[in-house]
């Protein structure tokens, strides 16, 4: 996802609580990160949400940002205002990559928050094995909107992924989605 929307040397806005794969991608693709630190929720001693106003401030300070990567919900279940964050980014034509690994179940019941897929995120990554009944290592990447070059992302995936995917894992994804529906 990151390589699909950036070029070598690009500046990228990164929530500091992202998965280590994000930091590895930054290093691997020679990107320049600008870190956005979520505030500590003192009453719960966990990191709080990413605030839309903090994103806006970072864009003023670094007008050459090419993409943003963030996590929502976090491992602890903290959900950020994806609608507001994506609106702010889209005003500057900046895509939002959302790690929604722990929110793959969003959208399957009215009491759950809405998925970033419907809230304006341009790329949403779901790890089906974290909150849904699927085998470990199963995930989905959803491509939305017009700010991303879907063909470039497909080409990047073909460069970085195996040409021999596991049919056991793909069957697990299919069964998981059927079960959830």
N, C-alpha and C. Protein backbone atom coordinates (compact mmCIF):
# COMPACT_ATOMS: atom_id res chain seq x y z
N UNK A 1 0.83 -1.19 0.00
CA UNK A 1 0.00 0.00 0.00
C UNK A 1 0.87 1.25 0.00
N UNK A 2 1.88 1.27 0.86
CA UNK A 2 2.74 2.45 0.97
C UNK A 2 3.52 2.67 -0.32
N UNK A 3 4.13 1.62 -0.83
CA UNK A 3 4.90 1.74 -2.06
C UNK A 3 4.00 2.12 -3.24
N UNK A 4 2.76 1.68 -3.20
CA UNK A 4 1.84 1.97 -4.28
C UNK A 4 1.41 3.41 -4.40
N UNK A 5 1.65 4.23 -3.35
CA UNK A 5 1.23 5.64 -3.39
C UNK A 5 2.39 6.62 -3.18
N UNK A 6 3.62 6.10 -3.10
CA UNK A 6 4.76 6.99 -2.86
C UNK A 6 5.90 6.67 -3.83
N UNK A 7 6.84 7.59 -3.89
CA UNK A 7 8.08 7.42 -4.64
C UNK A 7 9.26 7.66 -3.70
N UNK A 8 10.41 7.18 -4.07
CA UNK A 8 11.63 7.36 -3.29
C UNK A 8 11.80 8.83 -2.89
N UNK A 9 12.04 9.05 -1.60
CA UNK A 9 12.26 10.40 -1.10
C UNK A 9 11.01 11.14 -0.67
N UNK A 10 9.84 10.60 -0.94
CA UNK A 10 8.60 11.27 -0.55
C UNK A 10 8.48 11.38 0.97
N UNK A 11 7.79 12.42 1.38
CA UNK A 11 7.47 12.59 2.80
C UNK A 11 6.12 11.95 3.07
N UNK A 12 6.03 11.19 4.17
CA UNK A 12 4.81 10.48 4.52
C UNK A 12 4.48 10.74 5.99
N UNK A 13 3.22 11.01 6.27
CA UNK A 13 2.75 11.24 7.63
C UNK A 13 2.38 9.88 8.23
N UNK A 14 2.96 9.59 9.39
CA UNK A 14 2.83 8.25 9.98
C UNK A 14 2.44 8.36 11.45
N UNK A 15 1.33 7.72 11.81
CA UNK A 15 0.99 7.62 13.23
C UNK A 15 2.06 6.76 13.90
N UNK A 16 2.55 7.22 15.03
CA UNK A 16 3.69 6.55 15.68
C UNK A 16 3.32 5.18 16.25
N UNK A 17 2.04 4.85 16.31
CA UNK A 17 1.63 3.55 16.85
C UNK A 17 1.34 2.53 15.75
N UNK A 18 1.90 2.77 14.55
CA UNK A 18 1.69 1.84 13.44
C UNK A 18 2.45 0.53 13.66
N UNK A 19 2.08 -0.46 12.87
CA UNK A 19 2.72 -1.77 12.87
C UNK A 19 4.16 -1.64 12.35
N UNK A 20 5.02 -2.53 12.79
CA UNK A 20 6.43 -2.45 12.38
C UNK A 20 6.61 -2.57 10.87
N UNK A 21 5.68 -3.18 10.17
CA UNK A 21 5.78 -3.29 8.72
C UNK A 21 5.78 -1.91 8.06
N UNK A 22 5.09 -0.94 8.66
CA UNK A 22 5.06 0.42 8.14
C UNK A 22 6.46 1.03 8.22
N UNK A 23 7.13 0.85 9.34
CA UNK A 23 8.47 1.41 9.53
C UNK A 23 9.48 0.70 8.62
N UNK A 24 9.27 -0.59 8.40
CA UNK A 24 10.13 -1.32 7.47
C UNK A 24 9.93 -0.82 6.04
N UNK A 25 8.69 -0.53 5.65
CA UNK A 25 8.41 -0.01 4.31
C UNK A 25 9.06 1.36 4.12
N UNK A 26 9.01 2.19 5.15
CA UNK A 26 9.63 3.52 5.08
C UNK A 26 11.12 3.39 4.80
N UNK A 27 11.75 2.48 5.49
CA UNK A 27 13.18 2.25 5.30
C UNK A 27 13.47 1.61 3.94
N UNK A 28 12.71 0.61 3.59
CA UNK A 28 12.91 -0.14 2.35
C UNK A 28 12.74 0.74 1.11
N UNK A 29 11.78 1.67 1.16
CA UNK A 29 11.48 2.49 0.00
C UNK A 29 12.03 3.92 0.10
N UNK A 30 12.92 4.15 1.06
CA UNK A 30 13.63 5.42 1.21
C UNK A 30 12.68 6.61 1.31
N UNK A 31 11.71 6.49 2.23
CA UNK A 31 10.75 7.57 2.45
C UNK A 31 11.18 8.42 3.63
N UNK A 32 10.63 9.62 3.71
CA UNK A 32 10.92 10.54 4.81
C UNK A 32 9.68 10.64 5.69
N UNK A 33 9.71 9.98 6.85
CA UNK A 33 8.53 10.00 7.71
C UNK A 33 8.43 11.26 8.55
N UNK A 34 7.20 11.67 8.76
CA UNK A 34 6.86 12.69 9.75
C UNK A 34 5.94 11.97 10.72
N UNK A 35 6.34 11.91 11.98
CA UNK A 35 5.59 11.12 12.96
C UNK A 35 4.54 11.95 13.67
N UNK A 36 3.38 11.35 13.79
CA UNK A 36 2.26 11.94 14.53
C UNK A 36 2.04 11.08 15.76
N UNK A 37 2.24 11.67 16.92
CA UNK A 37 2.16 10.92 18.17
C UNK A 37 0.77 11.06 18.78
N UNK A 38 0.05 9.95 18.94
CA UNK A 38 -1.24 10.02 19.65
C UNK A 38 -0.97 10.40 21.11
N UNK A 39 -1.89 11.12 21.70
CA UNK A 39 -1.76 11.49 23.12
C UNK A 39 -2.05 10.27 24.01
N UNK A 40 -1.47 10.27 25.18
CA UNK A 40 -1.73 9.20 26.14
C UNK A 40 -3.06 9.48 26.84
N UNK A 41 -3.92 8.47 26.87
CA UNK A 41 -5.16 8.56 27.62
C UNK A 41 -4.81 8.19 29.06
N UNK A 42 -4.68 9.18 29.91
CA UNK A 42 -4.18 8.98 31.27
C UNK A 42 -5.10 8.10 32.12
N UNK A 43 -6.40 8.17 31.87
CA UNK A 43 -7.31 7.38 32.69
C UNK A 43 -7.21 5.89 32.37
N UNK A 44 -6.76 5.55 31.18
CA UNK A 44 -6.69 4.15 30.79
C UNK A 44 -5.27 3.69 30.51
N UNK A 45 -4.31 4.60 30.57
CA UNK A 45 -2.90 4.35 30.27
C UNK A 45 -2.70 3.63 28.93
N UNK A 46 -3.44 4.09 27.93
CA UNK A 46 -3.25 3.61 26.56
C UNK A 46 -3.19 4.84 25.65
N UNK A 47 -2.70 4.64 24.45
CA UNK A 47 -2.67 5.74 23.49
C UNK A 47 -4.08 6.05 23.02
N UNK A 48 -4.36 7.33 22.88
CA UNK A 48 -5.67 7.79 22.45
C UNK A 48 -5.74 7.81 20.92
N UNK A 49 -6.83 8.32 20.40
CA UNK A 49 -7.04 8.39 18.96
C UNK A 49 -6.11 9.41 18.31
N UNK A 50 -5.99 9.30 16.99
CA UNK A 50 -5.34 10.35 16.20
C UNK A 50 -6.39 11.44 15.99
N UNK A 51 -6.04 12.66 16.30
CA UNK A 51 -6.98 13.77 16.22
C UNK A 51 -6.87 14.47 14.86
N UNK A 52 -8.03 14.77 14.27
CA UNK A 52 -8.08 15.42 12.96
C UNK A 52 -7.34 16.76 12.98
N UNK A 53 -7.47 17.51 14.07
CA UNK A 53 -6.80 18.82 14.13
C UNK A 53 -5.28 18.67 14.15
N UNK A 54 -4.77 17.56 14.70
CA UNK A 54 -3.32 17.30 14.67
C UNK A 54 -2.85 16.99 13.25
N UNK A 55 -3.67 16.27 12.50
CA UNK A 55 -3.36 15.99 11.10
C UNK A 55 -3.30 17.30 10.32
N UNK A 56 -4.28 18.16 10.54
CA UNK A 56 -4.33 19.46 9.85
C UNK A 56 -3.07 20.29 10.15
N UNK A 57 -2.65 20.29 11.40
CA UNK A 57 -1.43 21.03 11.79
C UNK A 57 -0.20 20.48 11.09
N UNK A 58 -0.10 19.18 11.00
CA UNK A 58 1.07 18.56 10.35
C UNK A 58 1.10 18.89 8.86
N UNK A 59 -0.06 18.96 8.22
CA UNK A 59 -0.10 19.31 6.80
C UNK A 59 0.32 20.76 6.57
N UNK A 60 0.01 21.63 7.52
CA UNK A 60 0.47 23.02 7.42
C UNK A 60 1.98 23.09 7.56
N UNK A 61 2.50 22.32 8.49
CA UNK A 61 3.94 22.32 8.79
C UNK A 61 4.74 21.63 7.68
N UNK A 62 4.16 20.61 7.07
CA UNK A 62 4.84 19.82 6.02
C UNK A 62 3.92 19.73 4.80
N UNK A 63 3.87 20.76 3.97
CA UNK A 63 2.94 20.77 2.84
C UNK A 63 3.29 19.78 1.72
N UNK A 64 4.46 19.13 1.80
CA UNK A 64 4.88 18.19 0.76
C UNK A 64 4.55 16.73 1.11
N UNK A 65 3.73 16.50 2.12
CA UNK A 65 3.34 15.14 2.49
C UNK A 65 2.57 14.51 1.35
N UNK A 66 2.91 13.27 1.02
CA UNK A 66 2.30 12.57 -0.12
C UNK A 66 1.26 11.54 0.29
N UNK A 67 1.29 11.07 1.54
CA UNK A 67 0.33 10.06 2.01
C UNK A 67 0.36 10.04 3.54
N UNK A 68 -0.68 9.45 4.11
CA UNK A 68 -0.73 9.24 5.55
C UNK A 68 -1.06 7.78 5.83
N UNK A 69 -0.42 7.23 6.87
CA UNK A 69 -0.69 5.87 7.33
C UNK A 69 -1.04 5.96 8.81
N UNK A 70 -2.14 5.29 9.18
CA UNK A 70 -2.53 5.27 10.59
C UNK A 70 -3.26 3.98 10.93
N UNK A 71 -3.45 3.75 12.23
CA UNK A 71 -4.13 2.56 12.75
C UNK A 71 -5.43 2.99 13.43
N UNK A 72 -6.52 2.33 13.06
CA UNK A 72 -7.81 2.54 13.73
C UNK A 72 -8.73 1.39 13.35
N UNK A 73 -9.19 0.61 14.30
CA UNK A 73 -8.96 0.73 15.73
C UNK A 73 -7.56 0.24 16.09
N UNK A 74 -7.10 0.73 17.23
CA UNK A 74 -5.83 0.25 17.75
C UNK A 74 -6.02 -1.13 18.36
N UNK A 75 -4.93 -1.73 18.77
CA UNK A 75 -4.98 -3.03 19.43
C UNK A 75 -5.91 -2.99 20.65
N UNK A 76 -5.96 -1.82 21.30
CA UNK A 76 -6.81 -1.66 22.50
C UNK A 76 -8.24 -1.29 22.16
N UNK A 77 -8.54 -1.05 20.88
CA UNK A 77 -9.91 -0.75 20.47
C UNK A 77 -10.22 0.72 20.29
N UNK A 78 -9.22 1.58 20.34
CA UNK A 78 -9.45 3.02 20.17
C UNK A 78 -9.69 3.32 18.69
N UNK A 79 -10.80 4.00 18.41
CA UNK A 79 -11.20 4.32 17.04
C UNK A 79 -11.06 5.83 16.81
N UNK A 80 -10.40 6.20 15.73
CA UNK A 80 -10.23 7.61 15.37
C UNK A 80 -11.35 8.06 14.44
N UNK A 81 -11.48 9.36 14.27
CA UNK A 81 -12.51 9.94 13.40
C UNK A 81 -12.00 9.92 11.96
N UNK A 82 -12.19 8.80 11.30
CA UNK A 82 -11.69 8.61 9.94
C UNK A 82 -12.37 9.56 8.96
N UNK A 83 -13.65 9.84 9.17
CA UNK A 83 -14.36 10.79 8.30
C UNK A 83 -13.64 12.14 8.27
N UNK A 84 -13.36 12.69 9.42
CA UNK A 84 -12.74 14.01 9.52
C UNK A 84 -11.30 13.98 9.00
N UNK A 85 -10.56 12.95 9.35
CA UNK A 85 -9.16 12.86 8.91
C UNK A 85 -9.09 12.72 7.40
N UNK A 86 -9.91 11.86 6.82
CA UNK A 86 -9.86 11.68 5.37
C UNK A 86 -10.30 12.96 4.65
N UNK A 87 -11.28 13.69 5.19
CA UNK A 87 -11.71 14.96 4.58
C UNK A 87 -10.55 15.96 4.52
N UNK A 88 -9.83 16.07 5.63
CA UNK A 88 -8.70 17.00 5.70
C UNK A 88 -7.62 16.60 4.70
N UNK A 89 -7.31 15.32 4.64
CA UNK A 89 -6.29 14.85 3.70
C UNK A 89 -6.74 15.04 2.25
N UNK A 90 -7.99 14.73 1.98
CA UNK A 90 -8.49 14.81 0.61
C UNK A 90 -8.54 16.24 0.09
N UNK A 91 -8.68 17.22 0.99
CA UNK A 91 -8.62 18.63 0.57
C UNK A 91 -7.27 18.94 -0.07
N UNK A 92 -6.24 18.21 0.35
CA UNK A 92 -4.89 18.40 -0.19
C UNK A 92 -4.52 17.30 -1.20
N UNK A 93 -5.51 16.46 -1.55
CA UNK A 93 -5.31 15.34 -2.49
C UNK A 93 -4.27 14.34 -1.98
N UNK A 94 -4.33 14.09 -0.67
CA UNK A 94 -3.43 13.15 -0.02
C UNK A 94 -4.22 11.91 0.36
N UNK A 95 -3.76 10.73 -0.06
CA UNK A 95 -4.47 9.50 0.29
C UNK A 95 -4.22 9.05 1.72
N UNK A 96 -5.23 8.40 2.28
CA UNK A 96 -5.14 7.82 3.63
C UNK A 96 -5.06 6.31 3.52
N UNK A 97 -3.99 5.75 4.07
CA UNK A 97 -3.83 4.31 4.20
C UNK A 97 -4.20 3.96 5.63
N UNK A 98 -5.22 3.14 5.78
CA UNK A 98 -5.73 2.81 7.10
C UNK A 98 -5.47 1.35 7.44
N UNK A 99 -4.71 1.14 8.49
CA UNK A 99 -4.52 -0.20 9.04
C UNK A 99 -5.70 -0.44 9.97
N UNK A 100 -6.69 -1.15 9.45
CA UNK A 100 -7.89 -1.47 10.22
C UNK A 100 -7.87 -2.98 10.53
N UNK A 101 -6.67 -3.48 10.84
CA UNK A 101 -6.48 -4.91 11.06
C UNK A 101 -7.40 -5.46 12.13
N UNK A 102 -7.55 -4.71 13.21
CA UNK A 102 -8.39 -5.17 14.32
C UNK A 102 -9.85 -4.74 14.16
N UNK A 103 -10.22 -4.24 12.99
CA UNK A 103 -11.60 -3.82 12.75
C UNK A 103 -12.21 -4.49 11.54
N UNK A 104 -11.69 -5.64 11.18
CA UNK A 104 -12.23 -6.35 10.01
C UNK A 104 -13.71 -6.68 10.19
N UNK A 105 -14.16 -6.76 11.43
CA UNK A 105 -15.56 -7.08 11.72
C UNK A 105 -16.48 -5.85 11.62
N UNK A 106 -15.89 -4.65 11.52
CA UNK A 106 -16.71 -3.45 11.39
C UNK A 106 -17.58 -3.59 10.15
N UNK A 107 -18.79 -3.15 10.23
CA UNK A 107 -19.69 -3.23 9.10
C UNK A 107 -20.56 -4.47 9.09
N UNK A 108 -20.29 -5.40 9.97
CA UNK A 108 -21.09 -6.62 10.01
C UNK A 108 -22.22 -6.55 11.04
N UNK A 109 -22.26 -5.46 11.80
CA UNK A 109 -23.37 -5.27 12.75
C UNK A 109 -23.50 -3.78 13.00
N UNK A 110 -24.72 -3.33 13.21
CA UNK A 110 -24.99 -1.89 13.39
C UNK A 110 -24.36 -1.32 14.66
N UNK A 111 -24.04 -2.15 15.64
CA UNK A 111 -23.44 -1.64 16.88
C UNK A 111 -21.93 -1.43 16.76
N UNK A 112 -21.34 -1.98 15.71
CA UNK A 112 -19.91 -1.76 15.48
C UNK A 112 -19.73 -0.42 14.79
N UNK A 113 -18.56 0.19 14.94
CA UNK A 113 -18.28 1.40 14.15
C UNK A 113 -18.30 1.06 12.66
N UNK A 114 -18.48 2.07 11.84
CA UNK A 114 -18.40 1.86 10.39
C UNK A 114 -16.94 1.63 10.01
N UNK A 115 -16.74 0.86 8.97
CA UNK A 115 -15.40 0.59 8.46
C UNK A 115 -14.84 1.81 7.75
N UNK A 116 -13.54 1.92 7.76
CA UNK A 116 -12.87 2.97 6.99
C UNK A 116 -13.15 2.86 5.51
N UNK A 117 -13.56 1.69 5.05
CA UNK A 117 -13.93 1.50 3.65
C UNK A 117 -15.07 2.43 3.28
N UNK A 118 -15.99 2.67 4.21
CA UNK A 118 -17.14 3.54 3.95
C UNK A 118 -16.96 4.95 4.53
N UNK A 119 -15.82 5.19 5.18
CA UNK A 119 -15.63 6.47 5.86
C UNK A 119 -14.57 7.36 5.21
N UNK A 120 -14.13 6.99 4.01
CA UNK A 120 -13.24 7.88 3.27
C UNK A 120 -11.80 7.45 3.15
N UNK A 121 -11.40 6.38 3.80
CA UNK A 121 -10.01 5.93 3.65
C UNK A 121 -9.79 5.41 2.23
N UNK A 122 -8.64 5.69 1.67
CA UNK A 122 -8.35 5.32 0.30
C UNK A 122 -7.88 3.88 0.17
N UNK A 123 -7.12 3.43 1.15
CA UNK A 123 -6.68 2.04 1.22
C UNK A 123 -6.95 1.56 2.63
N UNK A 124 -7.66 0.45 2.75
CA UNK A 124 -7.96 -0.12 4.07
C UNK A 124 -7.46 -1.56 4.08
N UNK A 125 -6.69 -1.86 5.11
CA UNK A 125 -6.12 -3.20 5.26
C UNK A 125 -6.78 -3.89 6.44
N UNK A 126 -7.34 -5.06 6.17
CA UNK A 126 -7.99 -5.87 7.20
C UNK A 126 -7.22 -7.16 7.42
N UNK A 127 -6.97 -7.50 8.66
CA UNK A 127 -6.41 -8.80 9.02
C UNK A 127 -7.57 -9.65 9.52
N UNK A 128 -8.06 -10.52 8.66
CA UNK A 128 -9.25 -11.30 9.01
C UNK A 128 -9.01 -12.21 10.21
N UNK A 129 -7.78 -12.61 10.41
CA UNK A 129 -7.47 -13.55 11.48
C UNK A 129 -7.47 -12.91 12.88
N UNK A 130 -7.55 -11.61 12.96
CA UNK A 130 -7.48 -10.97 14.28
C UNK A 130 -8.83 -10.89 14.98
N UNK A 131 -9.88 -10.56 14.25
CA UNK A 131 -11.19 -10.42 14.91
C UNK A 131 -12.28 -11.23 14.23
N UNK A 132 -11.89 -12.03 13.26
CA UNK A 132 -12.87 -12.85 12.55
C UNK A 132 -12.34 -14.28 12.44
N UNK A 133 -13.20 -15.23 12.08
CA UNK A 133 -12.78 -16.64 12.05
C UNK A 133 -12.06 -17.01 10.76
N UNK A 134 -10.78 -16.65 10.70
CA UNK A 134 -9.97 -16.98 9.54
C UNK A 134 -8.57 -17.38 9.99
N UNK A 135 -7.88 -18.12 9.16
CA UNK A 135 -6.54 -18.59 9.52
C UNK A 135 -5.56 -17.42 9.63
N UNK A 136 -4.54 -17.60 10.45
CA UNK A 136 -3.49 -16.59 10.60
C UNK A 136 -2.86 -16.32 9.25
N UNK A 137 -2.53 -15.08 9.01
CA UNK A 137 -1.93 -14.55 7.79
C UNK A 137 -2.95 -14.25 6.70
N UNK A 138 -4.24 -14.26 7.03
CA UNK A 138 -5.22 -13.91 6.01
C UNK A 138 -5.59 -12.44 6.16
N UNK A 139 -5.59 -11.74 5.06
CA UNK A 139 -5.91 -10.33 5.09
C UNK A 139 -6.45 -9.86 3.76
N UNK A 140 -7.01 -8.67 3.78
CA UNK A 140 -7.57 -8.05 2.58
C UNK A 140 -7.09 -6.61 2.49
N UNK A 141 -6.91 -6.14 1.26
CA UNK A 141 -6.63 -4.73 1.04
C UNK A 141 -7.74 -4.18 0.14
N UNK A 142 -8.44 -3.16 0.64
CA UNK A 142 -9.53 -2.54 -0.09
C UNK A 142 -9.02 -1.23 -0.69
N UNK A 143 -9.27 -1.02 -1.97
CA UNK A 143 -8.86 0.19 -2.67
C UNK A 143 -10.09 1.01 -2.99
N UNK A 144 -10.10 2.26 -2.54
CA UNK A 144 -11.28 3.13 -2.66
C UNK A 144 -10.90 4.48 -3.26
N UNK A 145 -11.87 5.12 -3.85
CA UNK A 145 -11.71 6.51 -4.28
C UNK A 145 -10.86 6.68 -5.53
N UNK A 146 -10.53 7.93 -5.80
CA UNK A 146 -9.82 8.29 -7.04
C UNK A 146 -8.42 8.83 -6.79
N UNK A 147 -7.99 8.94 -5.56
CA UNK A 147 -6.66 9.50 -5.27
C UNK A 147 -5.53 8.50 -5.45
N UNK A 148 -5.86 7.24 -5.56
CA UNK A 148 -4.82 6.22 -5.68
C UNK A 148 -4.83 5.64 -7.09
N UNK A 149 -3.67 5.22 -7.52
CA UNK A 149 -3.51 4.56 -8.81
C UNK A 149 -3.61 3.05 -8.55
N UNK A 150 -4.79 2.51 -8.76
CA UNK A 150 -5.05 1.09 -8.45
C UNK A 150 -4.15 0.17 -9.27
N UNK A 151 -3.87 0.54 -10.48
CA UNK A 151 -2.99 -0.28 -11.32
C UNK A 151 -1.57 -0.31 -10.75
N UNK A 152 -1.10 0.82 -10.25
CA UNK A 152 0.22 0.88 -9.63
C UNK A 152 0.27 0.00 -8.38
N UNK A 153 -0.79 0.01 -7.61
CA UNK A 153 -0.83 -0.83 -6.41
C UNK A 153 -0.85 -2.31 -6.80
N UNK A 154 -1.61 -2.66 -7.81
CA UNK A 154 -1.63 -4.05 -8.29
C UNK A 154 -0.23 -4.47 -8.75
N UNK A 155 0.45 -3.60 -9.48
CA UNK A 155 1.81 -3.91 -9.94
C UNK A 155 2.77 -4.05 -8.78
N UNK A 156 2.62 -3.20 -7.78
CA UNK A 156 3.47 -3.29 -6.59
C UNK A 156 3.22 -4.59 -5.85
N UNK A 157 1.95 -4.97 -5.73
CA UNK A 157 1.62 -6.24 -5.08
C UNK A 157 2.25 -7.42 -5.81
N UNK A 158 2.19 -7.40 -7.13
CA UNK A 158 2.75 -8.51 -7.89
C UNK A 158 4.27 -8.57 -7.74
N UNK A 159 4.89 -7.44 -7.46
CA UNK A 159 6.33 -7.39 -7.26
C UNK A 159 6.72 -7.91 -5.86
N UNK A 160 5.88 -7.66 -4.88
CA UNK A 160 6.23 -7.96 -3.49
C UNK A 160 5.64 -9.26 -2.96
N UNK A 161 4.58 -9.76 -3.58
CA UNK A 161 3.93 -10.97 -3.08
C UNK A 161 4.40 -12.19 -3.85
N UNK A 162 4.11 -13.33 -3.30
CA UNK A 162 4.42 -14.60 -3.95
C UNK A 162 3.56 -14.78 -5.20
N UNK A 163 4.13 -15.44 -6.19
CA UNK A 163 3.34 -15.79 -7.37
C UNK A 163 2.60 -17.11 -7.16
N UNK A 164 2.81 -17.71 -5.98
CA UNK A 164 2.13 -18.97 -5.62
C UNK A 164 1.39 -18.79 -4.31
N UNK A 165 0.24 -18.10 -4.32
CA UNK A 165 -0.50 -17.89 -3.07
C UNK A 165 -1.02 -19.20 -2.50
N UNK A 166 -1.25 -19.20 -1.21
CA UNK A 166 -1.77 -20.38 -0.53
C UNK A 166 -3.27 -20.50 -0.77
N UNK A 167 -3.67 -21.57 -1.41
CA UNK A 167 -5.10 -21.80 -1.65
C UNK A 167 -5.83 -22.15 -0.37
N UNK A 168 -5.10 -22.69 0.61
CA UNK A 168 -5.69 -22.96 1.92
C UNK A 168 -6.08 -21.63 2.58
N UNK A 169 -5.17 -20.66 2.52
CA UNK A 169 -5.46 -19.35 3.11
C UNK A 169 -6.57 -18.63 2.35
N UNK A 170 -6.55 -18.71 1.02
CA UNK A 170 -7.62 -18.07 0.25
C UNK A 170 -8.97 -18.72 0.53
N UNK A 171 -9.00 -20.03 0.71
CA UNK A 171 -10.25 -20.72 1.06
C UNK A 171 -10.72 -20.29 2.44
N UNK A 172 -9.77 -20.07 3.35
CA UNK A 172 -10.12 -19.59 4.69
C UNK A 172 -10.76 -18.21 4.62
N UNK A 173 -10.23 -17.34 3.77
CA UNK A 173 -10.82 -16.01 3.58
C UNK A 173 -12.24 -16.13 3.05
N UNK A 174 -12.42 -16.96 2.04
CA UNK A 174 -13.74 -17.15 1.45
C UNK A 174 -14.74 -17.69 2.47
N UNK A 175 -14.32 -18.69 3.23
CA UNK A 175 -15.21 -19.25 4.27
C UNK A 175 -15.53 -18.23 5.35
N UNK A 176 -14.55 -17.45 5.73
CA UNK A 176 -14.74 -16.41 6.76
C UNK A 176 -15.79 -15.40 6.30
N UNK A 177 -15.66 -14.91 5.08
CA UNK A 177 -16.60 -13.91 4.58
C UNK A 177 -18.00 -14.51 4.46
N UNK A 178 -18.09 -15.73 3.98
CA UNK A 178 -19.40 -16.40 3.89
C UNK A 178 -20.03 -16.54 5.27
N UNK A 179 -19.23 -16.94 6.25
CA UNK A 179 -19.73 -17.09 7.61
C UNK A 179 -20.23 -15.76 8.18
N UNK A 180 -19.44 -14.71 7.96
CA UNK A 180 -19.81 -13.41 8.51
C UNK A 180 -21.08 -12.87 7.84
N UNK A 181 -21.25 -13.10 6.56
CA UNK A 181 -22.46 -12.64 5.89
C UNK A 181 -23.66 -13.40 6.40
